[in-house]
Amino acid sequence: MSPDAAGGSAGGVSLASCCPAGCSPGVSLVSFGASFGVSCGGAAAAAASKADAKPEVGRLPVIDSWVLQDVSRGGALIEGRQGVYEVYAGDVVPGLGRIDAVRRQDGRWVVVTSRGLIVAR
């Protein structure tokens, strides 16, 4: 079924009813079948691209009160005021939060937490 420029229907749904003023329904063929699309111009397209844009992610801060002592077999030894902890991804440390990952970043080992990074000194 092919929609017409006046607002035809695709699969029983009227494209004119779901398209804001100024849009033109169209049909685009995809390699695995046909899909019906609506092409909008101007402000609607700009709003759609703005919504799809990812927010810029800044670097996590280094947590100065914690020190990375050792890394082995996916875990790490970290030291803080409360003592030394052996941690793995998913662990929750009091006063520190959740351990997200133990990984190499920029050529050095880091422990990524919900509050920031723990690095060796």
Protein backbone atom coordinates (compact mmCIF):
# COMPACT_ATOMS: atom_id res chain seq x y z
CA MET A 1 0.00 0.00 0.00
CA SER A 2 1.48 3.38 -0.97
CA PRO A 3 0.53 6.58 0.85
CA ASP A 4 -0.32 9.58 -1.24
CA ALA A 5 1.03 13.09 -0.66
CA ALA A 6 -2.31 14.26 0.73
CA GLY A 7 -1.99 12.03 3.78
CA GLY A 8 -2.55 8.40 2.85
CA SER A 9 -2.47 5.56 5.29
CA ALA A 10 0.16 2.96 6.09
CA GLY A 11 -1.14 -0.30 7.47
CA GLY A 12 -4.46 1.21 8.55
CA VAL A 13 -2.90 4.22 10.34
CA SER A 14 -3.41 7.61 8.80
CA LEU A 15 -0.10 9.39 8.46
CA ALA A 16 -1.87 12.73 8.23
CA SER A 17 -3.26 12.28 11.73
CA CYS A 18 0.17 11.72 13.34
CA CYS A 19 2.13 14.24 11.27
CA PRO A 20 2.32 17.88 12.35
CA ALA A 21 1.54 20.59 9.82
CA GLY A 22 4.18 20.95 7.14
CA CYS A 23 5.26 17.30 7.06
CA SER A 24 4.96 15.07 4.06
CA PRO A 25 4.43 11.32 4.41
CA GLY A 26 6.75 9.18 2.36
CA VAL A 27 7.80 5.60 1.83
CA SER A 28 11.36 4.36 2.14
CA LEU A 29 12.49 0.87 1.25
CA VAL A 30 14.79 -0.92 3.66
CA SER A 31 16.89 -3.93 2.66
CA PHE A 32 14.79 -6.30 4.81
CA GLY A 33 11.37 -5.00 3.78
CA ALA A 34 9.39 -1.84 3.45
CA SER A 35 9.05 0.73 6.20
CA PHE A 36 6.83 3.77 6.17
CA GLY A 37 8.36 7.03 7.29
CA VAL A 38 7.48 10.65 7.68
CA SER A 39 9.89 13.35 6.62
CA CYS A 40 9.59 16.65 8.44
CA GLY A 41 11.57 19.75 7.71
CA GLY A 42 12.67 22.81 9.60
CA ALA A 43 12.19 23.08 13.36
CA ALA A 44 10.84 19.56 13.78
CA ALA A 45 14.00 18.03 12.31
CA ALA A 46 16.21 20.28 14.44
CA ALA A 47 14.30 19.31 17.59
CA ALA A 48 14.63 15.62 16.74
CA SER A 49 18.40 15.87 16.20
CA LYS A 50 18.80 17.87 19.43
CA ALA A 51 16.95 15.15 21.37
CA ASP A 52 19.21 12.45 19.90
CA ALA A 53 22.44 14.28 20.80
CA LYS A 54 24.26 12.74 23.77
CA PRO A 55 25.27 15.05 26.60
CA GLU A 56 28.99 15.59 26.85
CA VAL A 57 30.49 13.43 29.58
CA GLY A 58 33.30 14.94 31.62
CA ARG A 59 36.08 13.06 33.33
CA LEU A 60 35.38 11.65 36.74
CA PRO A 61 37.24 13.32 39.62
CA VAL A 62 40.05 11.50 41.44
CA ILE A 63 39.13 10.66 45.03
CA ASP A 64 42.10 11.85 47.07
CA SER A 65 41.17 10.06 50.31
CA TRP A 66 41.50 6.61 48.69
CA VAL A 67 44.60 4.94 47.19
CA LEU A 68 44.84 1.96 44.83
CA GLN A 69 47.36 -0.49 46.33
CA ASP A 70 47.22 -3.50 43.99
CA VAL A 71 45.25 -5.05 41.11
CA SER A 72 44.90 -8.79 40.58
CA ARG A 73 42.44 -11.15 38.84
CA GLY A 74 39.75 -8.54 38.23
CA GLY A 75 39.83 -7.16 41.76
CA ALA A 76 41.73 -4.43 43.53
CA LEU A 77 43.07 -3.56 46.97
CA ILE A 78 42.14 -0.01 47.92
CA GLU A 79 43.07 1.85 51.09
CA GLY A 80 41.12 4.58 52.80
CA ARG A 81 40.75 6.00 56.31
CA GLN A 82 38.64 3.01 57.37
CA GLY A 83 41.26 0.47 56.28
CA VAL A 84 42.13 -1.74 53.31
CA TYR A 85 39.39 -3.30 51.17
CA GLU A 86 39.53 -5.98 48.49
CA VAL A 87 36.94 -4.89 45.92
CA TYR A 88 35.39 -6.17 42.71
CA ALA A 89 32.95 -4.60 40.24
CA GLY A 90 29.52 -4.45 41.85
CA ASP A 91 30.76 -4.21 45.45
CA VAL A 92 29.53 -1.39 47.68
CA VAL A 93 32.12 0.21 49.99
CA PRO A 94 30.93 2.29 52.96
CA GLY A 95 31.62 5.98 52.40
CA LEU A 96 32.68 5.35 48.82
CA GLY A 97 29.69 3.89 47.02
CA ARG A 98 29.44 1.27 44.31
CA ILE A 99 32.52 -0.07 42.50
CA ASP A 100 31.71 0.18 38.79
CA ALA A 101 34.90 -1.28 37.31
CA VAL A 102 38.57 -2.12 37.80
CA ARG A 103 40.34 -1.30 34.54
CA ARG A 104 43.30 0.23 32.75
CA GLN A 105 42.71 3.80 31.69
CA ASP A 106 45.28 6.02 29.99
CA GLY A 107 48.03 3.47 30.70
CA ARG A 108 47.35 3.08 34.44
CA TRP A 109 45.07 1.00 36.63
CA VAL A 110 42.04 2.73 38.12
CA VAL A 111 39.05 1.74 40.20
CA VAL A 112 35.92 3.43 38.84
CA THR A 113 33.33 4.19 41.51
CA SER A 114 30.05 6.06 41.61
CA ARG A 115 31.89 9.01 43.24
CA GLY A 116 34.99 9.08 41.05
CA LEU A 117 38.30 7.34 40.34
CA ILE A 118 40.74 5.72 42.74
CA VAL A 119 44.30 5.73 41.42
CA ALA A 120 47.74 4.53 42.61
CA ARG A 121 50.13 7.13 44.02
